[in-house]
N, C-alpha and C. Protein backbone atom coordinates (compact mmCIF):
# COMPACT_ATOMS: atom_id res chain seq x y z
N UNK A 1 179.50 91.94 83.24
CA UNK A 1 180.05 91.03 83.89
C UNK A 1 180.78 91.73 85.17
N UNK A 2 180.85 91.36 86.25
CA UNK A 2 181.38 91.77 87.33
C UNK A 2 182.96 91.66 87.47
N UNK A 3 183.63 92.36 87.69
CA UNK A 3 185.13 92.41 87.75
C UNK A 3 185.35 91.36 89.15
N UNK A 4 184.41 91.32 89.77
CA UNK A 4 184.83 90.26 91.08
C UNK A 4 184.62 88.83 90.65
N UNK A 5 183.93 88.55 89.52
CA UNK A 5 183.67 87.20 89.00
C UNK A 5 184.62 86.96 88.16
N UNK A 6 185.66 87.90 87.83
CA UNK A 6 186.82 87.59 86.92
C UNK A 6 187.98 87.33 87.73
N UNK A 7 187.93 87.71 88.66
CA UNK A 7 189.47 87.61 89.62
C UNK A 7 189.62 85.94 90.05
N UNK A 8 190.53 85.59 90.16
CA UNK A 8 190.94 84.30 90.74
C UNK A 8 190.94 83.26 89.80
N UNK A 9 190.82 83.88 88.35
CA UNK A 9 190.50 82.77 87.20
C UNK A 9 191.82 82.10 87.06
N UNK A 10 193.12 82.28 87.42
CA UNK A 10 194.32 81.85 87.36
C UNK A 10 194.55 80.62 88.19
N UNK A 11 193.87 80.70 89.05
CA UNK A 11 193.70 79.20 90.13
C UNK A 11 193.14 78.03 89.31
N UNK A 12 192.13 78.39 88.73
CA UNK A 12 191.58 77.48 88.02
C UNK A 12 192.13 76.74 86.96
N UNK A 13 192.72 77.61 86.13
CA UNK A 13 193.74 77.08 85.24
C UNK A 13 194.72 76.19 85.85
N UNK A 14 195.46 76.78 86.78
CA UNK A 14 196.76 76.18 87.62
C UNK A 14 196.17 74.54 88.24
N UNK A 15 194.96 74.79 88.40
CA UNK A 15 194.23 73.29 88.99
C UNK A 15 194.09 72.44 88.04
N UNK A 16 193.55 72.98 86.73
CA UNK A 16 193.33 72.10 85.56
C UNK A 16 194.66 71.72 84.99
N UNK A 17 195.61 72.41 84.91
CA UNK A 17 196.92 72.08 84.25
C UNK A 17 197.69 70.73 85.29
N UNK A 18 197.29 70.88 86.78
CA UNK A 18 198.02 69.93 87.45
C UNK A 18 197.09 68.87 87.48
N UNK A 19 196.18 68.75 87.31
CA UNK A 19 195.21 67.61 87.35
C UNK A 19 195.47 67.04 85.83
N UNK A 20 195.81 67.66 84.72
CA UNK A 20 196.02 66.94 83.59
C UNK A 20 197.56 66.47 83.69
N UNK A 21 198.26 67.10 84.62
CA UNK A 21 199.95 66.72 84.53
C UNK A 21 199.34 65.13 85.41
N UNK A 22 198.85 65.25 86.45
CA UNK A 22 198.65 63.95 87.33
C UNK A 22 198.44 62.68 86.24
N UNK A 23 196.98 63.17 85.34
CA UNK A 23 196.70 62.27 84.58
C UNK A 23 197.70 61.72 83.79
N UNK A 24 198.32 62.53 83.20
CA UNK A 24 199.48 62.15 81.82
C UNK A 24 200.31 60.92 82.98
N UNK A 25 200.92 61.80 84.04
CA UNK A 25 201.78 60.49 84.81
C UNK A 25 201.12 59.18 84.96
N UNK A 26 199.85 59.18 85.39
CA UNK A 26 199.14 57.80 86.07
C UNK A 26 199.11 56.87 84.53
N UNK A 27 198.86 57.94 83.34
CA UNK A 27 198.82 57.11 82.07
C UNK A 27 199.98 56.46 81.93
N UNK A 28 201.24 57.01 82.10
CA UNK A 28 202.42 56.56 81.88
C UNK A 28 203.02 55.54 82.81
N UNK A 29 202.56 55.66 84.09
CA UNK A 29 202.94 54.79 84.92
C UNK A 29 202.16 53.15 84.30
N UNK A 30 200.89 53.46 83.84
CA UNK A 30 200.27 52.11 83.87
C UNK A 30 200.88 51.30 82.34
N UNK A 31 200.85 52.47 81.24
CA UNK A 31 201.61 51.96 80.08
C UNK A 31 203.11 51.55 80.30
N UNK A 32 204.05 51.85 81.18
CA UNK A 32 205.06 51.52 81.72
C UNK A 32 205.04 50.26 82.01
N UNK A 33 204.14 49.85 83.24
CA UNK A 33 204.12 48.74 83.88
C UNK A 33 203.67 47.50 82.93
N UNK A 34 202.53 48.06 82.07
CA UNK A 34 202.32 46.83 81.22
C UNK A 34 203.09 46.33 80.25
N UNK A 35 203.92 47.23 79.62
CA UNK A 35 204.86 47.07 78.44
C UNK A 35 206.08 46.21 79.52
N UNK A 36 206.35 46.34 80.56
CA UNK A 36 207.60 46.02 81.42
C UNK A 36 207.18 44.54 81.72
N UNK A 37 205.65 44.48 82.44
CA UNK A 37 205.40 43.21 82.82
C UNK A 37 205.19 42.29 81.68
N UNK A 38 205.29 42.48 80.50
CA UNK A 38 205.06 41.76 79.13
C UNK A 38 206.35 41.06 78.96
N UNK A 39 207.59 41.65 79.38
CA UNK A 39 208.91 41.07 79.17
C UNK A 39 209.36 40.44 80.45
N UNK A 40 209.00 40.95 81.73
CA UNK A 40 209.69 40.79 82.99
C UNK A 40 208.86 39.99 84.10
N UNK A 41 207.72 39.59 83.82
CA UNK A 41 206.96 39.06 84.69
C UNK A 41 206.27 37.68 84.69
N UNK A 42 206.05 36.78 85.47
CA UNK A 42 205.22 35.68 85.14
C UNK A 42 203.85 36.13 85.15
N UNK A 43 203.54 36.78 85.64
CA UNK A 43 201.80 37.07 85.83
C UNK A 43 201.44 37.79 84.79
N UNK A 44 200.21 37.91 84.45
CA UNK A 44 199.80 38.68 83.17
C UNK A 44 199.97 40.14 83.36
N UNK A 45 200.23 40.52 82.47
CA UNK A 45 200.46 42.12 82.37
C UNK A 45 199.31 43.05 82.43
N UNK A 46 198.29 42.40 81.84
CA UNK A 46 197.18 43.26 82.20
C UNK A 46 196.43 43.18 83.23
N UNK A 47 196.77 42.42 84.26
CA UNK A 47 196.48 42.26 85.83
C UNK A 47 197.08 43.40 86.25
N UNK A 48 198.29 43.53 86.12
CA UNK A 48 199.28 44.51 86.72
C UNK A 48 198.89 46.08 86.17
N UNK A 49 198.56 46.24 84.92
CA UNK A 49 197.87 47.46 84.66
C UNK A 49 196.65 47.67 85.07
N UNK A 50 195.71 46.61 85.61
CA UNK A 50 194.74 47.00 86.30
C UNK A 50 195.18 47.58 87.76
N UNK A 51 195.90 46.74 88.52
CA UNK A 51 196.41 47.09 89.39
C UNK A 51 196.68 48.69 89.65
N UNK A 52 197.60 49.02 88.54
CA UNK A 52 198.08 50.32 88.25
C UNK A 52 197.07 51.64 87.95
N UNK A 53 196.24 50.90 87.58
CA UNK A 53 195.02 51.93 87.42
C UNK A 53 194.12 52.23 88.42
N UNK A 54 193.74 51.25 89.04
CA UNK A 54 193.38 51.55 90.46
C UNK A 54 193.79 52.09 91.76
N UNK A 55 195.21 51.89 91.65
CA UNK A 55 196.15 52.52 92.51
C UNK A 55 197.41 52.59 92.28
N UNK A 56 197.66 53.76 91.42
CA UNK A 56 198.59 54.06 90.92
C UNK A 56 200.11 53.88 91.51
N UNK A 57 200.34 54.68 92.76
CA UNK A 57 201.63 54.77 93.34
C UNK A 57 201.76 53.19 94.10
N UNK A 58 200.90 53.11 94.72
CA UNK A 58 200.72 51.50 95.38
C UNK A 58 201.26 50.54 94.30
N UNK A 59 200.44 50.50 93.25
CA UNK A 59 200.60 49.59 92.36
C UNK A 59 202.27 49.61 91.57
N UNK A 60 202.58 50.58 91.41
CA UNK A 60 204.41 50.61 90.93
C UNK A 60 205.14 50.33 91.85
N UNK A 61 204.77 50.65 93.23
CA UNK A 61 205.60 50.04 94.40
C UNK A 61 205.59 48.54 94.38
N UNK A 62 204.04 47.97 94.27
CA UNK A 62 204.07 46.77 94.47
C UNK A 62 204.52 45.66 93.28
N UNK A 63 204.51 46.66 92.17
CA UNK A 63 205.16 45.84 90.73
C UNK A 63 206.75 45.62 90.85
N UNK A 64 206.93 46.63 91.13
CA UNK A 64 208.66 46.74 91.67
C UNK A 64 209.00 45.85 92.68
N UNK A 65 208.48 45.62 93.60
CA UNK A 65 208.81 44.55 94.64
C UNK A 65 208.56 43.25 94.30
N UNK A 66 207.25 42.95 93.76
CA UNK A 66 207.12 41.46 93.64
C UNK A 66 206.64 41.21 92.32
N UNK A 67 206.52 42.14 91.15
CA UNK A 67 206.14 41.62 90.07
C UNK A 67 207.07 41.19 89.24
N UNK A 68 208.08 41.95 89.26
CA UNK A 68 209.26 41.83 88.21
C UNK A 68 210.06 40.39 88.75
N UNK A 69 210.61 39.48 87.49
CA UNK A 69 211.50 38.76 87.71
C UNK A 69 212.69 39.18 87.80
N UNK A 70 213.86 38.72 88.80
CA UNK A 70 214.94 39.09 89.01
C UNK A 70 216.07 38.27 87.91
N UNK A 71 216.38 38.91 86.63
CA UNK A 71 217.06 38.34 85.95
C UNK A 71 218.47 38.61 85.97
């Protein structure tokens, strides 16, 4: 195998780790919104989880602004 093909392999690993981190953060946002919406929202929690799945950061901002009841 040519040494040229082996160069730059570290970038692929970093990209994979970054993708894994983004995925875990997205799952964390979805789980947190779902569990919080079960306790603090009048709307169904699974709908907020779907919004967070489709647009994680926008869904989080929308949930914090309009989804939570202020107790």
